[in-house]
């Protein structure tokens, strides 16, 4: 079953993408919850026309994301965490703490677009990926220090 997404879904696709899903998932979850619409021929034609009209706006949003990515590449974050004597962190550092640190630096980044490659369980330098746009990703470096 083909559907047109009305909003971004992390594991499936982005808004206005035409994706193929299993019939039950589309019929029982996506369409009733207003997340997607059925991709009929008329819906595809309307979708194509809307995409043509919104191409200019999309380019502007992408350029803004690229500018923000250039600024974020220069940012270094230092996060404090409670640690044991061996340097292991009690708990772990996650995307919420990185989002809060970026907010303190003046960048409003949603925590849902931040992903950390490896689990952060010890003091050291790590990398996180921020997905600003479907075509724009930026890696930022952060350091975990003992409080």
Protein backbone atom coordinates (compact mmCIF):
# COMPACT_ATOMS: atom_id res chain seq x y z
CA UNK A 1 0.00 0.00 0.00
CA UNK A 2 1.37 3.42 -0.94
CA UNK A 3 0.73 6.38 1.34
CA UNK A 4 1.73 10.04 1.37
CA UNK A 5 3.12 11.09 4.75
CA UNK A 6 1.67 14.21 6.36
CA UNK A 7 4.42 14.47 8.98
CA UNK A 8 7.94 13.18 9.63
CA UNK A 9 8.22 9.68 11.03
CA UNK A 10 11.68 8.80 12.26
CA UNK A 11 11.76 5.22 10.99
CA UNK A 12 9.60 5.62 7.88
CA UNK A 13 10.25 8.91 6.08
CA UNK A 14 9.71 12.64 5.88
CA UNK A 15 6.67 14.79 5.34
CA UNK A 16 5.34 14.62 1.74
CA UNK A 17 7.26 11.40 0.96
CA UNK A 18 5.40 8.66 -0.87
CA UNK A 19 6.26 5.40 0.91
CA UNK A 20 5.15 1.81 0.65
CA UNK A 21 3.92 0.27 3.90
CA UNK A 22 2.14 -2.92 4.85
CA UNK A 23 -1.62 -2.77 4.41
CA UNK A 24 -2.45 -3.19 8.09
CA UNK A 25 0.01 -0.51 9.24
CA UNK A 26 -1.43 1.97 6.76
CA UNK A 27 -5.10 1.13 7.28
CA UNK A 28 -5.04 0.69 11.06
CA UNK A 29 -2.49 3.26 12.23
CA UNK A 30 -1.21 5.81 9.72
CA UNK A 31 -4.45 6.82 7.99
CA UNK A 32 -6.79 6.84 11.05
CA UNK A 33 -4.32 8.89 13.10
CA UNK A 34 -3.95 11.46 10.32
CA UNK A 35 -0.26 10.72 9.82
CA UNK A 36 -0.70 9.73 6.17
CA UNK A 37 -3.21 9.66 3.33
CA UNK A 38 -3.77 6.96 0.75
CA UNK A 39 -1.71 7.57 -2.40
CA UNK A 40 -4.41 7.35 -5.08
CA UNK A 41 -3.82 8.71 -8.59
CA UNK A 42 -5.60 11.99 -7.80
CA UNK A 43 -3.74 12.34 -4.49
CA UNK A 44 -0.43 11.79 -6.30
CA UNK A 45 -1.29 14.50 -8.85
CA UNK A 46 -2.19 16.96 -6.08
CA UNK A 47 1.00 15.98 -4.22
CA UNK A 48 3.13 16.63 -7.33
CA UNK A 49 1.57 20.06 -7.82
CA UNK A 50 2.04 20.97 -4.15
CA UNK A 51 5.67 19.83 -4.26
CA UNK A 52 6.32 21.94 -7.36
CA UNK A 53 4.87 25.02 -5.65
CA UNK A 54 6.70 24.45 -2.38
CA UNK A 55 10.12 23.79 -3.96
CA UNK A 56 11.17 27.41 -3.44
CA UNK A 57 10.21 27.37 0.24
CA UNK A 58 12.01 24.05 0.71
CA UNK A 59 15.20 25.49 -0.80
CA UNK A 60 15.05 28.41 1.64
CA UNK A 61 14.63 26.04 4.61
CA UNK A 62 17.54 23.92 3.39
CA UNK A 63 19.79 27.00 3.07
CA UNK A 64 18.90 28.06 6.62
CA UNK A 65 19.76 24.55 7.84
CA UNK A 66 23.12 24.73 6.02
CA UNK A 67 23.92 28.07 7.69
CA UNK A 68 23.03 26.66 11.10
CA UNK A 69 25.18 23.60 10.38
CA UNK A 70 28.20 25.82 9.67
CA UNK A 71 27.69 27.58 13.01
CA UNK A 72 27.22 24.30 14.89
CA UNK A 73 30.45 22.80 13.51
CA UNK A 74 32.42 25.37 15.49
CA UNK A 75 30.61 24.70 18.77
CA UNK A 76 32.21 22.55 21.45
CA UNK A 77 30.17 21.36 24.39
CA UNK A 78 31.39 20.30 27.80
CA UNK A 79 28.97 18.26 29.89
CA UNK A 80 29.48 17.57 33.57
CA UNK A 81 28.52 14.21 35.04
CA UNK A 82 28.89 12.51 38.38
CA UNK A 83 31.56 9.84 38.13
CA UNK A 84 33.21 7.13 40.16
CA UNK A 85 36.91 7.13 40.99
CA UNK A 86 37.62 5.01 37.88
CA UNK A 87 36.01 7.55 35.51
CA UNK A 88 32.74 5.72 34.89
CA UNK A 89 29.61 7.84 34.79
CA UNK A 90 26.67 7.09 37.06
CA UNK A 91 23.99 6.68 34.39
CA UNK A 92 24.79 7.98 30.91
CA UNK A 93 24.81 11.14 28.82
CA UNK A 94 21.92 11.36 26.37
CA UNK A 95 20.49 13.67 23.72
CA UNK A 96 18.44 15.66 26.25
CA UNK A 97 21.59 16.89 28.00
CA UNK A 98 23.18 17.80 24.67
CA UNK A 99 20.04 19.74 23.64
CA UNK A 100 20.11 21.65 26.95
CA UNK A 101 23.81 22.49 26.49
CA UNK A 102 23.11 23.74 22.95
CA UNK A 103 20.24 25.88 24.28
CA UNK A 104 22.66 27.49 26.74
CA UNK A 105 24.95 28.29 23.79
CA UNK A 106 22.05 29.96 21.95
CA UNK A 107 20.95 27.17 19.58
CA UNK A 108 17.36 25.91 19.81
CA UNK A 109 17.71 22.29 18.69
CA UNK A 110 15.01 19.69 19.32
CA UNK A 111 16.32 16.69 21.25
CA UNK A 112 14.63 14.29 18.82
CA UNK A 113 16.98 15.24 15.96
CA UNK A 114 20.12 14.56 18.01
CA UNK A 115 21.59 11.06 17.93
CA UNK A 116 24.64 9.76 19.74
CA UNK A 117 26.57 6.99 18.00
CA UNK A 118 27.79 5.08 21.05
CA UNK A 119 26.56 4.90 24.63
CA UNK A 120 28.37 7.49 26.72
CA UNK A 121 29.35 5.74 29.96
CA UNK A 122 32.82 7.17 30.64
CA UNK A 123 34.63 10.50 30.72
CA UNK A 124 36.04 11.52 27.35
CA UNK A 125 35.35 13.10 23.97
CA UNK A 126 32.43 11.91 21.88
CA UNK A 127 30.52 12.82 18.74
CA UNK A 128 26.80 13.35 18.14
CA UNK A 129 24.91 13.81 14.88
CA UNK A 130 22.26 16.48 14.49
CA UNK A 131 19.82 16.06 11.61
CA UNK A 132 18.72 19.62 10.78
CA UNK A 133 17.05 18.79 7.46
CA UNK A 134 16.55 15.59 5.51
CA UNK A 135 19.62 16.49 3.45
CA UNK A 136 21.62 18.36 6.12
CA UNK A 137 23.41 16.55 8.95
CA UNK A 138 26.14 17.92 11.16
CA UNK A 139 28.47 16.17 13.60
CA UNK A 140 29.31 18.01 16.80
CA UNK A 141 31.95 17.15 19.32
CA UNK A 142 31.22 17.08 23.03
CA UNK A 143 33.31 16.29 26.04
CA UNK A 144 32.13 14.64 29.21
CA UNK A 145 33.97 15.83 32.32
CA UNK A 146 33.70 14.89 35.97
CA UNK A 147 31.76 17.24 38.25
